[in-house]
Amino acid sequence: MERTSSIRRKAMARQHKAEVMIAGEQLRLRLHDGKLIKDRRYHLRTYPNCFVAQELIGWLVSHKEAPDRATAVSLMQHLMDNDIVHHVCDKRPVFKDAKLLYRFRKDDGTFPFNTEVKIFMRGQRLYEHLIGEKNSILQLREEHGVAYQRSFPGYQLIDWLLQNGEAESRRRGLELCRALQEHGIIQHVGKKHDFFDSGLLYQFCINFRRRRRLSELLNESEQDADEGNEGVAVSTHEDNHPDSPFGLRKCPPQEVGLGKDLKQVTSGRRGSLNSLQLHTAGFAPLVQLSSTSVVRCNPKSVLRRNFTCEELLAPGAPFIKRVLTVLGDALGWGFVVRGRAPCYVQAVDPGSPAAAAGVKVRQFVCQVNAQCVLYLDYRTISRLVMTGPRTVVLEVMEPLE
């Protein structure tokens, strides 16, 4: 058990590192487009492709990448800690909101191209190639009655690597695929198997094209640090917790009044589903959001009793299946999901797109955008929603009253 937990922690750390690298690269390109990165002179010396920390902090706040300057500094420090940016003279390990010059390591060739980075960049290149093909091997497929989007059999990926000159033999192709799996780039759809040259289905774990928000990465790293400090294995602390929540709206830290059973938070700007910082009791004491509409989140399950997937699918079960289309707005979708296999709707913002579409508490989530999620946990469902289109098609089962 400890070995499995350690492997999963390492995989999650590598995946987080990959997300930081993608976010850093997306930010670098935007700063080049905005002319914040350019050659600058200081003390009779020219420093190519650099930016002024103070200007960048103002840009992050004005472009709503951070709510305030202090948070923006924390975000850039996170990029420094992950070797994405550095001081032009490497004299300052701390990022400061001052007239100091910093540079992206990719712009001066000092990025540490170790094995981990090379595998990541190889995976990103393969993903872009596969996703851009007209008849891509990434397709909707089924394994054990569950449908998975953009999945592929192991043997087909190795065939593709050979056909496109990415591997010189099937053995080399298999080694590459296992390295991609080890570094959190691809995984078995059910997270049950290593990579094999067979008909088992696999998926890319990372959507390289999704627009990242820097604030998501900072919150995720803080949550991972909290889990590490508590000494709780990820597999037991979150994935196996039956009532772990994720919020589809979020707000900046505020005073939260707790009633006997309900807590009230203020919802606002659309954000990351993974930004909730889990309390040790399994729910978020503070949810990061901003603005005006009220969402009530009950730390106790709203279910009158727990159901298994088998009970939901049994012939004559007292449930009605509905298909609901939720068109997300600038604030998000406006509902909260809890549990795992099956997940259910815990709370709905009364003024949200989810409420308008007919999403209700105690509905069980069966499909998201035509993909079966009945046997998945809340975290996987949250990623499907966040990495998918703004319009989310939900198939739910609601109990007969």
Protein backbone atom coordinates (compact mmCIF):
# COMPACT_ATOMS: atom_id res chain seq x y z
CA MET A 1 0.00 0.00 0.00
CA GLU A 2 2.81 2.42 0.94
CA ARG A 3 4.62 1.69 -2.32
CA THR A 4 1.46 2.29 -4.36
CA SER A 5 0.80 5.56 -2.52
CA SER A 6 4.39 6.66 -3.08
CA ILE A 7 4.13 5.93 -6.80
CA ARG A 8 0.89 7.88 -7.03
CA ARG A 9 2.37 10.83 -5.14
CA LYS A 10 5.33 10.87 -7.51
CA ALA A 11 3.01 10.69 -10.53
CA MET A 12 0.92 13.58 -9.19
CA ALA A 13 4.06 15.62 -8.50
CA ARG A 14 5.27 15.02 -12.05
CA GLN A 15 1.88 15.91 -13.47
CA HIS A 16 1.84 19.14 -11.44
CA LYS A 17 5.32 19.94 -12.73
CA ALA A 18 4.02 19.43 -16.26
CA GLU A 19 1.09 21.77 -15.60
CA VAL A 20 3.51 24.42 -14.29
CA MET A 21 5.67 24.08 -17.40
CA ILE A 22 2.66 24.49 -19.69
CA ALA A 23 1.37 27.49 -17.74
CA GLY A 24 4.81 29.06 -17.76
CA GLU A 25 5.17 28.61 -21.52
CA GLN A 26 1.70 30.03 -22.17
CA LEU A 27 2.56 33.05 -20.01
CA ARG A 28 5.90 33.53 -21.78
CA LEU A 29 4.24 33.61 -25.20
CA ARG A 30 1.60 36.09 -24.00
CA LEU A 31 4.28 38.38 -22.55
CA HIS A 32 6.20 38.29 -25.82
CA ASP A 33 3.01 39.22 -27.68
CA GLY A 34 2.37 42.05 -25.22
CA LYS A 35 5.96 43.34 -25.63
CA LEU A 36 6.69 43.03 -21.90
CA ILE A 37 9.63 40.79 -22.75
CA LYS A 38 12.32 42.69 -24.65
CA ASP A 39 15.98 43.70 -24.57
CA ARG A 40 16.72 46.13 -21.76
CA ARG A 41 19.79 48.14 -20.70
CA TYR A 42 21.01 48.50 -17.13
CA HIS A 43 24.36 49.91 -15.99
CA LEU A 44 25.68 50.08 -19.58
CA ARG A 45 24.86 46.43 -20.17
CA THR A 46 22.10 45.01 -22.39
CA TYR A 47 20.03 42.10 -21.08
CA PRO A 48 18.13 40.37 -23.91
CA ASN A 49 14.60 38.98 -23.61
CA CYS A 50 13.88 40.06 -20.04
CA PHE A 51 11.05 41.73 -18.12
CA VAL A 52 10.76 44.12 -15.20
CA ALA A 53 9.22 42.40 -12.17
CA GLN A 54 7.20 45.45 -11.16
CA GLU A 55 5.68 45.79 -14.65
CA LEU A 56 4.83 42.09 -14.82
CA ILE A 57 3.10 42.12 -11.42
CA GLY A 58 0.92 45.01 -12.61
CA TRP A 59 0.16 43.10 -15.83
CA LEU A 60 -0.89 39.95 -13.94
CA VAL A 61 -3.30 41.95 -11.77
CA SER A 62 -4.74 43.97 -14.67
CA HIS A 63 -5.25 40.79 -16.73
CA LYS A 64 -6.95 39.10 -13.75
CA GLU A 65 -4.34 36.38 -13.44
CA ALA A 66 -4.05 37.36 -9.77
CA PRO A 67 -6.43 39.27 -7.44
CA ASP A 68 -3.64 41.42 -5.96
CA ARG A 69 0.07 42.11 -6.19
CA ALA A 70 1.01 39.88 -3.26
CA THR A 71 -0.67 36.87 -4.89
CA ALA A 72 1.00 37.72 -8.20
CA VAL A 73 4.39 37.66 -6.48
CA SER A 74 3.57 34.23 -5.02
CA LEU A 75 2.66 32.97 -8.50
CA MET A 76 5.95 34.15 -9.98
CA GLN A 77 7.88 32.72 -7.04
CA HIS A 78 6.23 29.39 -7.84
CA LEU A 79 7.57 29.65 -11.40
CA MET A 80 11.02 30.47 -10.01
CA ASP A 81 10.92 27.47 -7.70
CA ASN A 82 10.17 25.28 -10.73
CA ASP A 83 13.05 26.72 -12.81
CA ILE A 84 10.76 28.50 -15.27
CA VAL A 85 12.05 32.06 -14.61
CA HIS A 86 15.15 33.44 -12.89
CA HIS A 87 16.90 36.71 -12.09
CA VAL A 88 19.07 37.77 -15.03
CA CYS A 89 22.22 37.54 -12.86
CA ASP A 90 20.99 34.60 -10.77
CA LYS A 91 21.72 36.66 -7.64
CA ARG A 92 18.18 36.68 -6.25
CA PRO A 93 16.41 33.39 -5.48
CA VAL A 94 13.33 35.34 -4.33
CA PHE A 95 10.98 37.10 -6.76
CA LYS A 96 10.40 40.71 -5.66
CA ASP A 97 7.86 43.32 -6.73
CA ALA A 98 10.55 45.83 -7.68
CA LYS A 99 12.43 47.27 -10.64
CA LEU A 100 14.47 44.12 -11.07
CA LEU A 101 15.10 42.19 -14.28
CA TYR A 102 14.03 38.57 -14.63
CA ARG A 103 13.97 36.23 -17.60
CA PHE A 104 12.33 32.98 -18.70
CA ARG A 105 14.95 30.26 -18.82
CA LYS A 106 13.62 29.14 -22.18
CA ASP A 107 14.55 32.56 -23.60
CA ASP A 108 18.22 32.29 -22.63
CA GLY A 109 18.77 28.54 -23.03
CA THR A 110 19.31 27.83 -19.33
CA PHE A 111 16.23 25.63 -18.93
CA PRO A 112 17.32 22.36 -17.24
CA PHE A 113 16.66 19.75 -19.93
CA ASN A 114 16.85 16.70 -17.71
CA THR A 115 15.21 13.36 -18.47
CA GLU A 116 11.91 14.42 -16.91
CA VAL A 117 11.68 17.56 -19.05
CA LYS A 118 12.65 15.71 -22.20
CA ILE A 119 9.92 13.10 -21.63
CA PHE A 120 7.40 15.86 -21.01
CA MET A 121 8.32 17.73 -24.20
CA ARG A 122 8.25 14.47 -26.16
CA GLY A 123 4.76 13.75 -24.82
CA GLN A 124 3.56 17.26 -25.68
CA ARG A 125 4.86 16.95 -29.24
CA LEU A 126 3.20 13.54 -29.70
CA TYR A 127 -0.09 14.89 -28.30
CA GLU A 128 -0.09 17.86 -30.68
CA HIS A 129 0.66 15.57 -33.63
CA LEU A 130 -2.05 13.07 -32.70
CA ILE A 131 -4.72 15.64 -31.90
CA GLY A 132 -4.12 17.43 -35.19
CA GLU A 133 -4.44 14.35 -37.44
CA LYS A 134 -7.56 14.00 -39.55
CA ASN A 135 -8.02 10.29 -38.76
CA SER A 136 -6.41 10.30 -35.35
CA ILE A 137 -6.15 7.16 -33.24
CA LEU A 138 -7.57 9.26 -30.38
CA GLN A 139 -11.23 8.28 -30.51
CA LEU A 140 -14.29 7.52 -28.37
CA ARG A 141 -13.92 3.86 -27.35
CA GLU A 142 -15.35 1.48 -24.76
CA GLU A 143 -13.68 -0.78 -22.23
CA HIS A 144 -15.79 -2.98 -19.93
CA GLY A 145 -18.94 -1.08 -20.94
CA VAL A 146 -17.50 2.36 -20.10
CA ALA A 147 -16.89 4.91 -22.87
CA TYR A 148 -13.69 6.98 -22.88
CA GLN A 149 -13.07 10.00 -25.10
CA ARG A 150 -9.81 10.40 -27.01
CA SER A 151 -8.61 6.95 -25.98
CA PHE A 152 -6.41 4.54 -27.91
CA PRO A 153 -5.37 0.86 -27.69
CA GLY A 154 -1.76 0.38 -26.63
CA TYR A 155 -0.80 -1.52 -29.77
CA GLN A 156 -2.19 1.26 -32.02
CA LEU A 157 -0.01 3.90 -30.38
CA ILE A 158 3.06 1.73 -30.93
CA ASP A 159 1.99 1.16 -34.56
CA TRP A 160 1.67 4.94 -34.95
CA LEU A 161 5.11 5.57 -33.42
CA LEU A 162 6.68 3.13 -35.91
CA GLN A 163 4.80 4.58 -38.91
CA ASN A 164 5.83 8.15 -38.05
CA GLY A 165 9.47 7.42 -37.27
CA GLU A 166 9.10 8.09 -33.55
CA ALA A 167 10.41 4.63 -32.61
CA GLU A 168 12.80 2.30 -34.40
CA SER A 169 11.26 -0.93 -33.10
CA ARG A 170 8.26 -2.16 -31.13
CA ARG A 171 10.50 -2.66 -28.11
CA ARG A 172 11.65 0.97 -28.28
CA GLY A 173 8.07 2.10 -28.78
CA LEU A 174 6.97 0.15 -25.70
CA GLU A 175 9.81 1.67 -23.66
CA LEU A 176 8.76 5.18 -24.73
CA CYS A 177 5.11 4.55 -23.86
CA ARG A 178 6.03 3.21 -20.43
CA ALA A 179 8.21 6.25 -19.82
CA LEU A 180 5.28 8.49 -20.78
CA GLN A 181 3.08 6.61 -18.32
CA GLU A 182 5.68 6.75 -15.56
CA HIS A 183 5.92 10.54 -15.97
CA GLY A 184 2.17 11.10 -15.85
CA ILE A 185 1.67 11.88 -19.56
CA ILE A 186 -0.55 8.89 -20.40
CA GLN A 187 -2.41 6.36 -18.27
CA HIS A 188 -4.69 3.35 -18.51
CA VAL A 189 -8.30 4.58 -18.68
CA GLY A 190 -9.15 2.70 -15.51
CA LYS A 191 -5.77 3.37 -13.86
CA LYS A 192 -5.42 -0.38 -13.36
CA HIS A 193 -2.64 -1.46 -15.73
CA ASP A 194 0.87 -0.57 -16.78
CA PHE A 195 1.37 0.07 -20.49
CA PHE A 196 1.22 -3.04 -22.68
CA ASP A 197 1.43 -3.63 -26.42
CA SER A 198 -2.16 -4.84 -26.38
CA GLY A 199 -5.79 -3.81 -26.84
CA LEU A 200 -6.03 -2.18 -23.41
CA LEU A 201 -7.19 1.45 -23.65
CA TYR A 202 -5.09 4.43 -22.60
CA GLN A 203 -5.51 8.21 -22.57
CA PHE A 204 -3.36 11.32 -22.29
CA CYS A 205 -3.60 12.61 -18.71
CA ILE A 206 -2.87 16.20 -19.77
CA ASN A 207 -4.79 18.41 -22.17
CA PHE A 208 -1.82 20.42 -23.42
CA ARG A 209 -4.06 22.87 -25.28
CA ARG A 210 -6.18 23.95 -22.32
CA ARG A 211 -5.59 27.53 -21.22
CA ARG A 212 -4.03 27.46 -17.75
CA ARG A 213 -4.57 30.02 -15.01
CA LEU A 214 -1.52 30.55 -12.83
CA SER A 215 -3.68 30.77 -9.69
CA GLU A 216 -4.81 27.16 -10.23
CA LEU A 217 -1.24 25.91 -10.02
CA LEU A 218 -0.46 27.78 -6.83
CA ASN A 219 -3.56 26.46 -5.09
CA GLU A 220 -2.82 22.90 -6.22
CA SER A 221 0.75 23.09 -4.95
CA GLU A 222 -0.42 24.39 -1.57
CA GLN A 223 -2.95 21.58 -1.31
CA ASP A 224 -0.30 18.98 -2.16
CA ALA A 225 1.99 20.49 0.47
CA ASP A 226 -0.76 20.31 3.08
CA GLU A 227 -1.31 16.65 2.28
CA GLY A 228 2.42 15.98 2.53
CA ASN A 229 2.66 17.74 5.88
CA GLU A 230 -0.21 15.72 7.24
CA GLY A 231 1.46 12.53 6.06
CA VAL A 232 -1.73 11.36 4.36
CA ALA A 233 -1.41 9.30 1.21
CA VAL A 234 -3.27 10.81 -1.71
CA SER A 235 -5.09 7.59 -2.39
CA THR A 236 -6.64 7.56 1.06
CA HIS A 237 -7.07 11.26 1.76
CA GLU A 238 -9.00 12.26 -1.38
CA ASP A 239 -9.61 9.57 -3.94
CA ASN A 240 -11.10 7.16 -1.42
CA HIS A 241 -13.03 9.73 0.56
CA PRO A 242 -16.75 9.14 -0.18
CA ASP A 243 -17.75 12.77 0.30
CA SER A 244 -14.88 14.77 -1.14
CA PRO A 245 -16.34 17.87 -2.83
CA PHE A 246 -15.35 20.03 -5.72
CA GLY A 247 -16.78 23.48 -6.36
CA LEU A 248 -17.70 24.68 -9.82
CA ARG A 249 -17.48 28.32 -8.71
CA LYS A 250 -14.97 29.99 -6.47
CA CYS A 251 -14.16 33.22 -4.59
CA PRO A 252 -11.26 34.98 -2.78
CA PRO A 253 -10.72 34.12 0.89
CA GLN A 254 -13.35 35.71 3.09
CA GLU A 255 -14.92 35.29 6.48
CA VAL A 256 -17.24 32.30 6.23
CA GLY A 257 -20.10 32.03 8.67
CA LEU A 258 -20.81 28.46 9.71
CA GLY A 259 -24.33 27.54 10.81
CA LYS A 260 -25.30 24.30 12.43
CA ASP A 261 -25.10 22.34 9.19
CA LEU A 262 -24.65 24.87 6.39
CA LYS A 263 -21.79 27.13 5.47
CA GLN A 264 -22.34 30.11 3.20
CA VAL A 265 -19.72 31.32 0.76
CA THR A 266 -19.79 33.99 -1.91
CA SER A 267 -19.36 32.80 -5.47
CA GLY A 268 -17.99 34.68 -8.40
CA ARG A 269 -15.30 34.38 -11.01
CA ARG A 270 -15.09 31.08 -12.83
CA GLY A 271 -12.06 29.12 -11.71
CA SER A 272 -10.34 25.83 -11.21
CA LEU A 273 -12.15 22.87 -9.78
CA ASN A 274 -8.93 21.74 -8.18
CA SER A 275 -8.34 24.98 -6.25
CA LEU A 276 -10.31 23.95 -3.18
CA GLN A 277 -8.09 23.46 -0.18
CA LEU A 278 -9.47 20.43 1.56
CA HIS A 279 -9.98 20.54 5.28
CA THR A 280 -8.99 17.40 7.12
CA ALA A 281 -12.67 16.67 7.69
CA GLY A 282 -13.10 16.29 3.93
CA PHE A 283 -14.67 19.62 2.96
CA ALA A 284 -13.43 23.11 2.23
CA PRO A 285 -13.62 25.55 5.11
CA LEU A 286 -12.76 28.38 2.71
CA VAL A 287 -13.53 28.35 -0.98
CA GLN A 288 -11.66 30.78 -3.20
CA LEU A 289 -14.15 32.96 -5.21
CA SER A 290 -15.33 36.61 -5.64
CA SER A 291 -18.56 38.53 -6.23
CA THR A 292 -22.17 38.32 -5.25
CA SER A 293 -24.29 35.27 -5.78
CA VAL A 294 -24.78 32.90 -2.85
CA VAL A 295 -23.99 29.20 -2.88
CA ARG A 296 -24.86 27.04 0.08
CA CYS A 297 -22.51 24.12 0.61
CA ASN A 298 -23.48 21.53 3.15
CA PRO A 299 -20.50 19.65 4.60
CA LYS A 300 -22.87 16.73 5.26
CA SER A 301 -24.19 14.62 2.41
CA VAL A 302 -27.65 15.58 1.13
CA LEU A 303 -28.35 11.94 0.23
CA ARG A 304 -31.02 10.24 2.28
CA ARG A 305 -29.04 7.04 1.84
CA ASN A 306 -26.08 5.89 -0.22
CA PHE A 307 -26.58 3.98 -3.46
CA THR A 308 -24.24 1.74 -5.42
CA CYS A 309 -23.83 1.87 -9.19
CA GLU A 310 -25.47 -1.55 -9.40
CA GLU A 311 -28.55 -0.25 -7.58
CA LEU A 312 -28.85 2.69 -9.98
CA LEU A 313 -28.64 0.42 -13.03
CA ALA A 314 -30.91 -2.34 -11.72
CA PRO A 315 -34.10 -2.91 -13.77
CA GLY A 316 -37.05 -1.13 -12.20
CA ALA A 317 -34.87 1.05 -9.98
CA PRO A 318 -36.80 4.12 -8.69
CA PHE A 319 -34.88 6.67 -10.74
CA ILE A 320 -35.60 8.84 -13.79
CA LYS A 321 -32.84 9.45 -16.30
CA ARG A 322 -32.57 13.00 -17.65
CA VAL A 323 -30.24 14.74 -20.12
CA LEU A 324 -29.44 18.32 -19.13
CA THR A 325 -27.47 20.90 -21.12
CA VAL A 326 -25.63 23.44 -18.96
CA LEU A 327 -24.24 26.47 -20.80
CA GLY A 328 -21.53 27.90 -18.57
CA ASP A 329 -21.34 31.67 -18.13
CA ALA A 330 -18.54 33.98 -17.06
CA LEU A 331 -18.88 32.68 -13.49
CA GLY A 332 -18.79 28.98 -14.28
CA TRP A 333 -21.55 26.37 -14.03
CA GLY A 334 -22.80 26.74 -10.47
CA PHE A 335 -23.11 23.32 -8.89
CA VAL A 336 -21.18 21.13 -6.47
CA VAL A 337 -20.51 17.40 -6.87
CA ARG A 338 -19.48 15.01 -4.13
CA GLY A 339 -18.74 11.32 -3.66
CA ARG A 340 -17.22 8.70 -5.91
CA ALA A 341 -18.78 5.87 -7.91
CA PRO A 342 -21.42 7.19 -8.11
CA CYS A 343 -21.01 10.94 -7.70
CA TYR A 344 -24.03 13.10 -6.94
CA VAL A 345 -25.04 16.76 -6.95
CA GLN A 346 -24.57 18.18 -3.45
CA ALA A 347 -25.54 21.83 -4.05
CA VAL A 348 -26.78 24.13 -6.82
CA ASP A 349 -26.48 27.91 -6.99
CA PRO A 350 -30.11 29.12 -7.45
CA GLY A 351 -29.12 31.77 -10.00
CA SER A 352 -26.65 29.66 -11.96
CA PRO A 353 -26.73 28.05 -15.43
CA ALA A 354 -26.96 24.66 -13.69
CA ALA A 355 -30.19 25.65 -11.90
CA ALA A 356 -31.64 27.00 -15.16
CA ALA A 357 -30.83 23.73 -16.92
CA GLY A 358 -32.61 21.64 -14.26
CA VAL A 359 -29.66 20.39 -12.22
CA LYS A 360 -30.90 19.48 -8.73
CA VAL A 361 -29.43 18.15 -5.52
CA ARG A 362 -29.38 14.36 -5.08
CA GLN A 363 -29.11 13.74 -8.82
CA PHE A 364 -26.48 11.12 -9.68
CA VAL A 365 -24.10 12.02 -12.51
CA CYS A 366 -24.00 9.26 -15.15
CA GLN A 367 -22.43 10.92 -18.19
CA VAL A 368 -20.51 14.10 -18.99
CA ASN A 369 -20.46 15.06 -22.68
CA ALA A 370 -21.42 11.50 -23.72
CA GLN A 371 -18.69 9.92 -21.59
CA CYS A 372 -19.78 7.50 -18.88
CA VAL A 373 -18.63 8.76 -15.47
CA LEU A 374 -20.74 6.56 -13.21
CA TYR A 375 -17.69 4.69 -11.93
CA LEU A 376 -15.42 7.72 -11.61
CA ASP A 377 -14.63 9.90 -8.60
CA TYR A 378 -15.33 13.62 -8.21
CA ARG A 379 -11.79 14.66 -9.17
CA THR A 380 -11.90 12.92 -12.54
CA ILE A 381 -15.35 14.35 -13.28
CA SER A 382 -14.11 17.82 -12.37
CA ARG A 383 -11.27 17.54 -14.87
CA LEU A 384 -13.66 16.40 -17.59
CA VAL A 385 -15.83 19.46 -17.02
CA MET A 386 -12.95 21.93 -16.79
CA THR A 387 -11.04 20.63 -19.83
CA GLY A 388 -14.15 20.24 -21.96
CA PRO A 389 -16.31 22.77 -23.82
CA ARG A 390 -18.20 25.54 -22.07
CA THR A 391 -21.47 23.76 -22.83
CA VAL A 392 -21.67 20.65 -20.67
CA VAL A 393 -24.17 17.91 -21.45
CA LEU A 394 -25.00 15.94 -18.31
CA GLU A 395 -26.91 12.70 -18.10
CA VAL A 396 -28.23 12.36 -14.57
CA MET A 397 -30.49 10.00 -12.63
CA GLU A 398 -32.80 11.55 -10.09
CA PRO A 399 -34.79 9.58 -7.51
CA LEU A 400 -38.55 9.32 -7.84
CA GLU A 401 -40.18 11.23 -5.01
